[in-house]
C-alpha cells in the first residue's frame, strides 16, 4: 500500500499543471532517452531484428524532434504545459499500440529525406571531409588533451576510491618521519 501511495504522489506531481518544470523535464529526459537507450541495448543484445528496426525508427524520430526543438525551444518552452505536451509526445512515439515513431517516420521524415537525399549526401560528405582535415591538423593537440583527460579521470578515480574506501588506499596513509634521536643524543651530551 505504501508503494502505491508514493506512486500516486509522483504521478500527481508529474501531471499537476502547475508543478515545477524540473519534474516534468526530468520525466521527458527519462522517457525520451534513458528508457529508449536501455530498450535499444536489449534489442541489440537479443539480436531481435524487429525490435532493432523499431528503435532505429524511434531514434530517427527522436533525433528529428530534438533538432526541431533546439531551434524552437526558446520560443515554445514558454507556452503553458509545453513540457507536459512534450512528455505526452515522447510517450506517443514509443507506445507499441500506436507506433507513433513509425507514423512520424513514414509520413514526414522519410519523404523529406528521400526528397533531399542527394543534397544531404553532399553536405554530409563535405562535413566528414572537413572534420577529417580538422582532426588531422590538430592531432598533436588532441593527443595532449586525451593524455590530460586520462590523467584527470585516473586522479578522480583515485580520489573517489579514497573517499569510499579510506583504509584501503596507500594515498591515505600518513608519511611518518623517522624517529627523532635528538632528545636521546642531547641528554647524553649533557651528562
Protein backbone atom coordinates (compact mmCIF):
# COMPACT_ATOMS: atom_id res chain seq x y z
CA UNK A 1 0.00 0.00 0.00
CA UNK A 2 2.89 2.38 0.77
CA UNK A 3 4.33 1.83 -2.69
CA UNK A 4 1.00 2.60 -4.31
CA UNK A 5 0.72 5.83 -2.30
CA UNK A 6 4.20 7.00 -3.34
CA UNK A 7 3.41 6.25 -7.00
CA UNK A 8 0.25 8.34 -6.77
CA UNK A 9 2.18 11.26 -5.28
CA UNK A 10 4.79 11.02 -8.03
CA UNK A 11 2.13 10.84 -10.73
CA UNK A 12 0.25 13.80 -9.25
CA UNK A 13 3.47 15.81 -9.10
CA UNK A 14 4.23 14.95 -12.70
CA UNK A 15 0.79 15.64 -14.12
CA UNK A 16 -0.22 18.59 -11.98
CA UNK A 17 -0.30 21.51 -14.45
CA UNK A 18 1.44 23.94 -12.14
CA UNK A 19 4.16 21.62 -10.92
CA UNK A 20 7.73 22.65 -11.35
CA UNK A 21 9.19 22.17 -14.82
CA UNK A 22 12.14 20.33 -13.28
CA UNK A 23 9.98 17.30 -12.52
CA UNK A 24 8.42 17.19 -15.98
CA UNK A 25 11.73 17.91 -17.75
CA UNK A 26 13.35 15.05 -15.82
CA UNK A 27 10.48 12.81 -16.87
CA UNK A 28 10.98 13.91 -20.50
CA UNK A 29 14.66 13.01 -20.32
CA UNK A 30 13.91 9.66 -18.70
CA UNK A 31 11.13 8.74 -21.12
CA UNK A 32 12.78 10.25 -24.19
CA UNK A 33 16.33 8.98 -23.75
CA UNK A 34 17.05 6.77 -20.73
CA UNK A 35 14.35 4.15 -21.31
CA UNK A 36 14.97 4.00 -25.10
CA UNK A 37 18.72 3.59 -24.57
CA UNK A 38 18.07 0.55 -22.41
CA UNK A 39 15.45 -0.80 -24.83
CA UNK A 40 17.89 -0.32 -27.71
CA UNK A 41 20.56 -2.17 -25.75
CA UNK A 42 18.14 -5.06 -25.15
CA UNK A 43 17.19 -5.16 -28.84
CA UNK A 44 20.85 -5.29 -29.87
CA UNK A 45 21.82 -7.92 -27.31
CA UNK A 46 18.89 -10.20 -28.11
CA UNK A 47 19.51 -9.73 -31.85
CA UNK A 48 15.78 -9.14 -32.36
CA UNK A 49 15.54 -7.59 -35.85
CA UNK A 50 12.03 -6.24 -35.31
CA UNK A 51 12.96 -4.51 -32.06
CA UNK A 52 16.16 -3.14 -33.63
CA UNK A 53 14.12 -1.71 -36.51
CA UNK A 54 11.59 -0.27 -34.07
CA UNK A 55 14.27 1.52 -32.04
CA UNK A 56 16.14 2.76 -35.12
CA UNK A 57 12.91 4.37 -36.29
CA UNK A 58 12.37 5.80 -32.80
CA UNK A 59 15.87 7.35 -32.75
CA UNK A 60 15.28 8.87 -36.19
CA UNK A 61 12.03 10.42 -34.95
CA UNK A 62 13.54 11.49 -31.62
CA UNK A 63 16.59 13.00 -33.33
CA UNK A 64 14.42 14.91 -35.80
CA UNK A 65 12.27 16.20 -32.95
CA UNK A 66 15.36 17.22 -30.97
CA UNK A 67 16.78 19.16 -33.92
CA UNK A 68 13.47 20.96 -34.49
CA UNK A 69 13.11 21.63 -30.77
CA UNK A 70 16.62 23.08 -30.49
CA UNK A 71 15.67 25.80 -32.96
CA UNK A 72 12.25 26.50 -31.47
CA UNK A 73 12.90 25.79 -27.77
CA UNK A 74 13.31 29.39 -26.62
CA UNK A 75 10.00 30.29 -28.20
CA UNK A 76 7.84 27.26 -27.43
CA UNK A 77 9.15 26.43 -23.96
CA UNK A 78 7.27 29.48 -22.64
CA UNK A 79 3.91 28.02 -23.63
CA UNK A 80 1.94 26.73 -20.65
CA UNK A 81 2.13 22.97 -20.31
CA UNK A 82 4.80 22.71 -23.05
CA UNK A 83 6.81 20.09 -21.18
CA UNK A 84 3.65 18.13 -20.39
CA UNK A 85 2.84 18.06 -24.11
CA UNK A 86 6.43 17.08 -24.88
CA UNK A 87 6.20 14.21 -22.40
CA UNK A 88 2.94 13.05 -23.98
CA UNK A 89 4.56 13.26 -27.43
CA UNK A 90 7.57 11.20 -26.32
CA UNK A 91 5.28 8.57 -24.83
CA UNK A 92 3.25 8.55 -28.06
CA UNK A 93 6.45 7.97 -30.07
CA UNK A 94 7.22 4.82 -28.06
CA UNK A 95 3.86 3.21 -27.44
CA UNK A 96 3.67 -0.03 -29.41
CA UNK A 97 -0.12 0.24 -29.64
CA UNK A 98 0.02 3.47 -31.69
CA UNK A 99 3.56 3.17 -33.09
CA UNK A 100 3.94 6.95 -33.18
CA UNK A 101 7.59 6.92 -34.22
CA UNK A 102 6.80 4.78 -37.27
CA UNK A 103 3.87 7.04 -38.19
CA UNK A 104 6.05 10.15 -37.94
CA UNK A 105 8.88 8.47 -39.85
CA UNK A 106 6.77 7.18 -42.74
CA UNK A 107 4.59 10.27 -43.12
CA UNK A 108 7.15 13.06 -42.64
CA UNK A 109 10.79 12.13 -42.02
CA UNK A 110 11.29 9.53 -44.74
CA UNK A 111 9.63 11.57 -47.53
CA UNK A 112 11.66 14.65 -46.54
CA UNK A 113 14.95 12.73 -46.51
CA UNK A 114 14.19 10.98 -49.81
CA UNK A 115 13.33 14.30 -51.45
CA UNK A 116 16.59 15.92 -50.26
CA UNK A 117 18.85 12.86 -50.19
CA UNK A 118 21.26 13.97 -52.93
CA UNK A 119 21.89 17.36 -51.37
CA UNK A 120 22.13 15.91 -47.87
CA UNK A 121 24.70 13.34 -49.07
CA UNK A 122 26.80 16.18 -50.46
CA UNK A 123 26.57 18.14 -47.21
CA UNK A 124 27.44 15.09 -45.11
CA UNK A 125 30.40 14.32 -47.40
CA UNK A 126 31.74 17.86 -47.03
CA UNK A 127 31.24 17.79 -43.27
CA UNK A 128 33.09 14.47 -42.87
CA UNK A 129 35.90 15.72 -45.09
CA UNK A 130 36.23 18.96 -43.10
CA UNK A 131 36.12 17.11 -39.78
CA UNK A 132 38.84 14.76 -41.03
CA UNK A 133 41.03 17.71 -42.04
CA UNK A 134 40.38 19.46 -38.73
CA UNK A 135 41.33 16.42 -36.64
CA UNK A 136 44.35 15.60 -38.80
CA UNK A 137 45.68 19.14 -38.46
CA UNK A 138 45.21 19.07 -34.70
CA UNK A 139 46.27 15.53 -33.94
CA UNK A 140 49.05 16.57 -31.54
CA UNK A 141 46.71 18.84 -29.57
CA UNK A 142 44.08 16.10 -29.43
CA UNK A 143 46.63 13.57 -28.16
CA UNK A 144 47.72 16.06 -25.49
CA UNK A 145 44.10 16.69 -24.48
CA UNK A 146 43.50 12.94 -24.37
CA UNK A 147 46.53 12.42 -22.12
CA UNK A 148 45.43 15.22 -19.79
CA UNK A 149 41.86 13.89 -19.75
CA UNK A 150 43.09 10.39 -18.93
CA UNK A 151 45.22 11.73 -16.06
CA UNK A 152 42.26 13.69 -14.71
CA UNK A 153 40.00 10.64 -14.87
CA UNK A 154 42.58 8.42 -13.17
CA UNK A 155 43.12 11.04 -10.44
CA UNK A 156 39.39 11.44 -9.93
CA UNK A 157 39.03 7.67 -9.74
CA UNK A 158 41.72 7.53 -7.03
CA UNK A 159 40.08 10.36 -5.08
CA UNK A 160 36.67 8.69 -5.21
CA UNK A 161 38.16 5.34 -4.24
CA UNK A 162 39.97 7.01 -1.31
CA UNK A 163 36.70 8.55 -0.16
CA UNK A 164 34.74 5.31 -0.47
CA UNK A 165 37.45 3.02 0.95
CA UNK A 166 39.71 5.25 3.06
CA UNK A 167 41.69 2.47 4.76
CA UNK A 168 42.49 0.51 1.62
CA UNK A 169 44.33 3.18 -0.28
CA UNK A 170 48.04 3.96 0.12
CA UNK A 171 47.27 7.61 -0.64
CA UNK A 172 45.58 7.99 2.73
CA UNK A 173 48.46 6.59 4.72
CA UNK A 174 50.40 9.27 6.51
CA UNK A 175 54.09 9.52 5.90
CA UNK A 176 55.80 9.27 9.22
CA UNK A 177 59.11 10.90 9.90
CA UNK A 178 61.91 8.72 11.22
CA UNK A 179 62.06 8.63 14.99
CA UNK A 180 63.95 11.55 16.44
CA UNK A 181 67.06 10.61 18.30
CA UNK A 182 67.96 14.19 19.11
CA UNK A 183 66.43 14.05 22.56
CA UNK A 184 68.44 10.97 23.44
CA UNK A 185 71.62 12.38 21.95
CA UNK A 186 71.09 15.75 23.68
CA UNK A 187 70.62 14.11 27.04
CA UNK A 188 73.79 12.04 26.50
CA UNK A 189 75.82 15.21 25.81
CA UNK A 190 74.53 16.92 28.93
CA UNK A 191 75.75 14.16 31.25
